[in-house]
Amino acid sequence: MIIDELGYRPLPEDGASALFQVINQRYLKSSTILSTNVGIADWALAFGDATVAAAMLDRLLHRAAVVGIDGPSYRLRHHQNRADSLRQGVHARVS
């Protein structure tokens, strides 16, 4: 199972509890991939419940490979390249 953008929006209490149930059912049985921009230290805030966050992290991190990706977003990079090209075109016509 792949969960993308976890923590992008705050989960209501029942949502965090339901997600914990899913993670708990999959624990040691199936692979789970998560992408998030929320640091592990901030999961209690993102899920609104420190106990649920700790229990979820306990299961997720037990046999995990954590990969930190630092740098600009590939989505924003495309937009930035397009904006730069447009600016260069405008400057070429003005000159």
N, C-alpha and C. Protein backbone atom coordinates (compact mmCIF):
# COMPACT_ATOMS: atom_id res chain seq x y z
N MET A 1 0.85 -1.15 0.00
CA MET A 1 0.00 0.00 0.00
C MET A 1 0.90 1.23 0.00
N ILE A 2 0.51 2.22 -0.77
CA ILE A 2 1.25 3.48 -0.83
C ILE A 2 0.32 4.61 -0.37
N ILE A 3 0.79 5.38 0.58
CA ILE A 3 0.05 6.55 1.05
C ILE A 3 0.90 7.76 0.74
N ASP A 4 0.39 8.61 -0.12
CA ASP A 4 1.14 9.78 -0.57
C ASP A 4 0.62 11.03 0.13
N GLU A 5 1.53 11.92 0.48
CA GLU A 5 1.19 13.22 1.08
C GLU A 5 0.53 13.07 2.46
N LEU A 6 0.95 12.08 3.23
CA LEU A 6 0.40 11.91 4.58
C LEU A 6 0.72 13.13 5.41
N GLY A 7 -0.26 13.68 6.07
CA GLY A 7 -0.06 14.85 6.91
C GLY A 7 -0.18 16.17 6.17
N TYR A 8 -0.43 16.10 4.85
CA TYR A 8 -0.60 17.34 4.07
C TYR A 8 -1.75 18.15 4.65
N ARG A 9 -2.80 17.47 5.02
CA ARG A 9 -3.92 18.11 5.71
C ARG A 9 -4.10 17.38 7.04
N PRO A 10 -4.48 18.11 8.07
CA PRO A 10 -4.66 17.45 9.38
C PRO A 10 -5.77 16.40 9.30
N LEU A 11 -5.55 15.29 9.99
CA LEU A 11 -6.57 14.25 10.05
C LEU A 11 -7.45 14.49 11.27
N PRO A 12 -8.76 14.33 11.11
CA PRO A 12 -9.61 14.38 12.29
C PRO A 12 -9.30 13.18 13.19
N GLU A 13 -9.71 13.26 14.42
CA GLU A 13 -9.38 12.22 15.39
C GLU A 13 -9.80 10.83 14.91
N ASP A 14 -11.00 10.72 14.36
CA ASP A 14 -11.44 9.41 13.89
C ASP A 14 -10.66 8.96 12.65
N GLY A 15 -10.17 9.90 11.85
CA GLY A 15 -9.34 9.56 10.69
C GLY A 15 -7.99 9.02 11.13
N ALA A 16 -7.38 9.65 12.12
CA ALA A 16 -6.10 9.18 12.64
C ALA A 16 -6.25 7.80 13.26
N SER A 17 -7.34 7.59 13.96
CA SER A 17 -7.61 6.29 14.57
C SER A 17 -7.81 5.21 13.50
N ALA A 18 -8.55 5.55 12.44
CA ALA A 18 -8.78 4.60 11.35
C ALA A 18 -7.47 4.27 10.64
N LEU A 19 -6.62 5.28 10.41
CA LEU A 19 -5.33 5.03 9.77
C LEU A 19 -4.47 4.13 10.65
N PHE A 20 -4.49 4.36 11.95
CA PHE A 20 -3.74 3.48 12.85
C PHE A 20 -4.22 2.04 12.71
N GLN A 21 -5.52 1.84 12.61
CA GLN A 21 -6.06 0.48 12.47
C GLN A 21 -5.54 -0.18 11.19
N VAL A 22 -5.47 0.57 10.12
CA VAL A 22 -4.95 0.04 8.86
C VAL A 22 -3.47 -0.34 9.02
N ILE A 23 -2.69 0.58 9.58
CA ILE A 23 -1.26 0.32 9.78
C ILE A 23 -1.08 -0.88 10.70
N ASN A 24 -1.85 -0.96 11.75
CA ASN A 24 -1.75 -2.06 12.70
C ASN A 24 -2.09 -3.40 12.04
N GLN A 25 -3.11 -3.43 11.20
CA GLN A 25 -3.49 -4.67 10.51
C GLN A 25 -2.41 -5.12 9.54
N ARG A 26 -1.69 -4.19 8.94
CA ARG A 26 -0.65 -4.50 7.96
C ARG A 26 0.69 -4.80 8.61
N TYR A 27 0.85 -4.43 9.86
CA TYR A 27 2.13 -4.56 10.56
C TYR A 27 2.66 -5.99 10.46
N LEU A 28 3.87 -6.14 9.98
CA LEU A 28 4.58 -7.40 9.79
C LEU A 28 3.95 -8.33 8.76
N LYS A 29 2.94 -7.87 8.04
CA LYS A 29 2.29 -8.72 7.04
C LYS A 29 2.48 -8.21 5.62
N SER A 30 2.45 -6.89 5.44
CA SER A 30 2.52 -6.31 4.11
C SER A 30 3.34 -5.03 4.15
N SER A 31 3.86 -4.67 2.98
CA SER A 31 4.66 -3.45 2.88
C SER A 31 3.77 -2.21 2.79
N THR A 32 4.25 -1.15 3.38
CA THR A 32 3.56 0.13 3.33
C THR A 32 4.59 1.21 3.02
N ILE A 33 4.27 2.04 2.06
CA ILE A 33 5.14 3.17 1.70
C ILE A 33 4.39 4.44 2.02
N LEU A 34 5.05 5.34 2.71
CA LEU A 34 4.46 6.63 3.04
C LEU A 34 5.32 7.75 2.49
N SER A 35 4.68 8.78 1.97
CA SER A 35 5.41 10.01 1.67
C SER A 35 4.74 11.11 2.48
N THR A 36 5.57 11.94 3.06
CA THR A 36 5.05 13.02 3.90
C THR A 36 6.06 14.14 3.97
N ASN A 37 5.57 15.32 4.20
CA ASN A 37 6.47 16.44 4.44
C ASN A 37 6.48 16.80 5.93
N VAL A 38 5.87 15.96 6.73
CA VAL A 38 5.81 16.17 8.18
C VAL A 38 6.91 15.34 8.83
N GLY A 39 7.78 16.00 9.56
CA GLY A 39 8.84 15.30 10.27
C GLY A 39 8.28 14.39 11.36
N ILE A 40 9.00 13.33 11.65
CA ILE A 40 8.54 12.37 12.65
C ILE A 40 8.23 13.05 13.98
N ALA A 41 9.00 14.03 14.37
CA ALA A 41 8.79 14.73 15.63
C ALA A 41 7.46 15.50 15.65
N ASP A 42 6.91 15.79 14.47
CA ASP A 42 5.67 16.58 14.39
C ASP A 42 4.43 15.73 14.13
N TRP A 43 4.55 14.42 14.14
CA TRP A 43 3.39 13.58 13.87
C TRP A 43 2.29 13.75 14.91
N ALA A 44 2.64 13.97 16.16
CA ALA A 44 1.61 14.15 17.19
C ALA A 44 0.73 15.34 16.85
N LEU A 45 1.32 16.41 16.35
CA LEU A 45 0.53 17.58 15.96
C LEU A 45 -0.30 17.29 14.71
N ALA A 46 0.29 16.61 13.74
CA ALA A 46 -0.40 16.33 12.48
C ALA A 46 -1.60 15.42 12.68
N PHE A 47 -1.51 14.50 13.63
CA PHE A 47 -2.60 13.57 13.86
C PHE A 47 -3.47 13.93 15.04
N GLY A 48 -3.09 14.96 15.76
CA GLY A 48 -3.93 15.43 16.85
C GLY A 48 -3.95 14.54 18.07
N ASP A 49 -3.13 13.52 18.10
CA ASP A 49 -3.12 12.59 19.23
C ASP A 49 -1.73 11.97 19.33
N ALA A 50 -1.01 12.33 20.37
CA ALA A 50 0.35 11.85 20.55
C ALA A 50 0.41 10.34 20.72
N THR A 51 -0.59 9.76 21.37
CA THR A 51 -0.60 8.32 21.62
C THR A 51 -0.77 7.55 20.32
N VAL A 52 -1.72 7.98 19.49
CA VAL A 52 -1.95 7.32 18.20
C VAL A 52 -0.72 7.48 17.31
N ALA A 53 -0.15 8.68 17.29
CA ALA A 53 1.03 8.93 16.47
C ALA A 53 2.19 8.05 16.91
N ALA A 54 2.41 7.93 18.21
CA ALA A 54 3.51 7.10 18.73
C ALA A 54 3.29 5.63 18.40
N ALA A 55 2.07 5.16 18.53
CA ALA A 55 1.77 3.76 18.23
C ALA A 55 1.95 3.47 16.74
N MET A 56 1.53 4.41 15.91
CA MET A 56 1.68 4.24 14.47
C MET A 56 3.16 4.24 14.09
N LEU A 57 3.91 5.18 14.63
CA LEU A 57 5.34 5.26 14.34
C LEU A 57 6.07 4.01 14.83
N ASP A 58 5.66 3.50 15.97
CA ASP A 58 6.27 2.29 16.51
C ASP A 58 6.19 1.15 15.51
N ARG A 59 5.03 0.98 14.90
CA ARG A 59 4.84 -0.10 13.93
C ARG A 59 5.52 0.21 12.60
N LEU A 60 5.41 1.45 12.16
CA LEU A 60 5.99 1.82 10.87
C LEU A 60 7.52 1.78 10.88
N LEU A 61 8.13 2.22 11.96
CA LEU A 61 9.59 2.33 12.00
C LEU A 61 10.30 1.05 12.43
N HIS A 62 9.55 0.08 12.93
CA HIS A 62 10.17 -1.16 13.43
C HIS A 62 11.07 -1.81 12.39
N ARG A 63 10.60 -1.93 11.17
CA ARG A 63 11.40 -2.55 10.10
C ARG A 63 11.49 -1.63 8.89
N ALA A 64 11.59 -0.36 9.15
CA ALA A 64 11.51 0.62 8.07
C ALA A 64 12.87 1.01 7.52
N ALA A 65 12.82 1.49 6.31
CA ALA A 65 13.94 2.21 5.71
C ALA A 65 13.41 3.62 5.49
N VAL A 66 13.95 4.57 6.23
CA VAL A 66 13.50 5.96 6.13
C VAL A 66 14.42 6.67 5.14
N VAL A 67 13.82 7.29 4.16
CA VAL A 67 14.57 8.02 3.14
C VAL A 67 14.18 9.48 3.21
N GLY A 68 15.13 10.32 3.53
CA GLY A 68 14.87 11.76 3.56
C GLY A 68 15.27 12.38 2.23
N ILE A 69 14.38 13.13 1.66
CA ILE A 69 14.66 13.80 0.39
C ILE A 69 14.64 15.30 0.65
N ASP A 70 15.76 15.93 0.36
CA ASP A 70 15.86 17.35 0.60
C ASP A 70 16.14 18.04 -0.73
N GLY A 71 15.47 19.14 -0.96
CA GLY A 71 15.69 19.87 -2.20
C GLY A 71 14.38 20.36 -2.77
N PRO A 72 14.47 21.01 -3.91
CA PRO A 72 13.26 21.57 -4.50
C PRO A 72 12.33 20.48 -5.05
N SER A 73 11.08 20.79 -5.07
CA SER A 73 10.07 19.88 -5.60
C SER A 73 10.25 19.72 -7.11
N TYR A 74 10.11 18.50 -7.60
CA TYR A 74 10.21 18.31 -9.04
C TYR A 74 9.04 18.97 -9.76
N ARG A 75 7.90 19.08 -9.09
CA ARG A 75 6.74 19.75 -9.70
C ARG A 75 7.03 21.24 -9.86
N LEU A 76 7.59 21.84 -8.83
CA LEU A 76 7.90 23.27 -8.91
C LEU A 76 9.04 23.54 -9.87
N ARG A 77 9.96 22.59 -10.01
CA ARG A 77 11.07 22.76 -10.93
C ARG A 77 10.57 22.92 -12.36
N HIS A 78 9.57 22.14 -12.76
CA HIS A 78 8.99 22.26 -14.10
C HIS A 78 8.40 23.65 -14.30
N HIS A 79 7.66 24.14 -13.32
CA HIS A 79 7.06 25.47 -13.42
C HIS A 79 8.12 26.56 -13.46
N GLN A 80 9.16 26.38 -12.66
CA GLN A 80 10.23 27.37 -12.63
C GLN A 80 10.94 27.43 -13.97
N ASN A 81 11.22 26.27 -14.58
CA ASN A 81 11.87 26.25 -15.90
C ASN A 81 11.00 26.94 -16.95
N ARG A 82 9.71 26.70 -16.89
CA ARG A 82 8.79 27.33 -17.86
C ARG A 82 8.75 28.84 -17.65
N ALA A 83 8.70 29.28 -16.41
CA ALA A 83 8.68 30.71 -16.11
C ALA A 83 9.98 31.37 -16.58
N ASP A 84 11.11 30.70 -16.37
CA ASP A 84 12.39 31.24 -16.83
C ASP A 84 12.40 31.38 -18.35
N SER A 85 11.89 30.38 -19.05
CA SER A 85 11.84 30.43 -20.52
C SER A 85 10.96 31.58 -21.00
N LEU A 86 9.83 31.76 -20.34
CA LEU A 86 8.94 32.87 -20.72
C LEU A 86 9.60 34.22 -20.47
N ARG A 87 10.29 34.34 -19.33
CA ARG A 87 10.99 35.60 -19.03
C ARG A 87 12.07 35.89 -20.07
N GLN A 88 12.82 34.88 -20.45
CA GLN A 88 13.87 35.06 -21.45
C GLN A 88 13.26 35.49 -22.78
N GLY A 89 12.11 34.93 -23.14
CA GLY A 89 11.44 35.31 -24.37
C GLY A 89 10.97 36.75 -24.34
N VAL A 90 10.45 37.18 -23.20
CA VAL A 90 9.98 38.56 -23.05
C VAL A 90 11.15 39.52 -23.13
N HIS A 91 12.25 39.18 -22.43
CA HIS A 91 13.43 40.06 -22.47
C HIS A 91 14.03 40.14 -23.86
N ALA A 92 13.99 39.06 -24.61
CA ALA A 92 14.53 39.06 -25.98
C ALA A 92 13.71 39.98 -26.88
N ARG A 93 12.38 40.00 -26.69
CA ARG A 93 11.54 40.87 -27.53
C ARG A 93 11.67 42.32 -27.15
N VAL A 94 11.90 42.61 -25.85
CA VAL A 94 12.01 43.98 -25.39
C VAL A 94 13.34 44.57 -25.83
N SER A 95 14.37 43.82 -25.87
CA SER A 95 15.72 44.32 -26.21
C SER A 95 15.86 44.74 -27.63
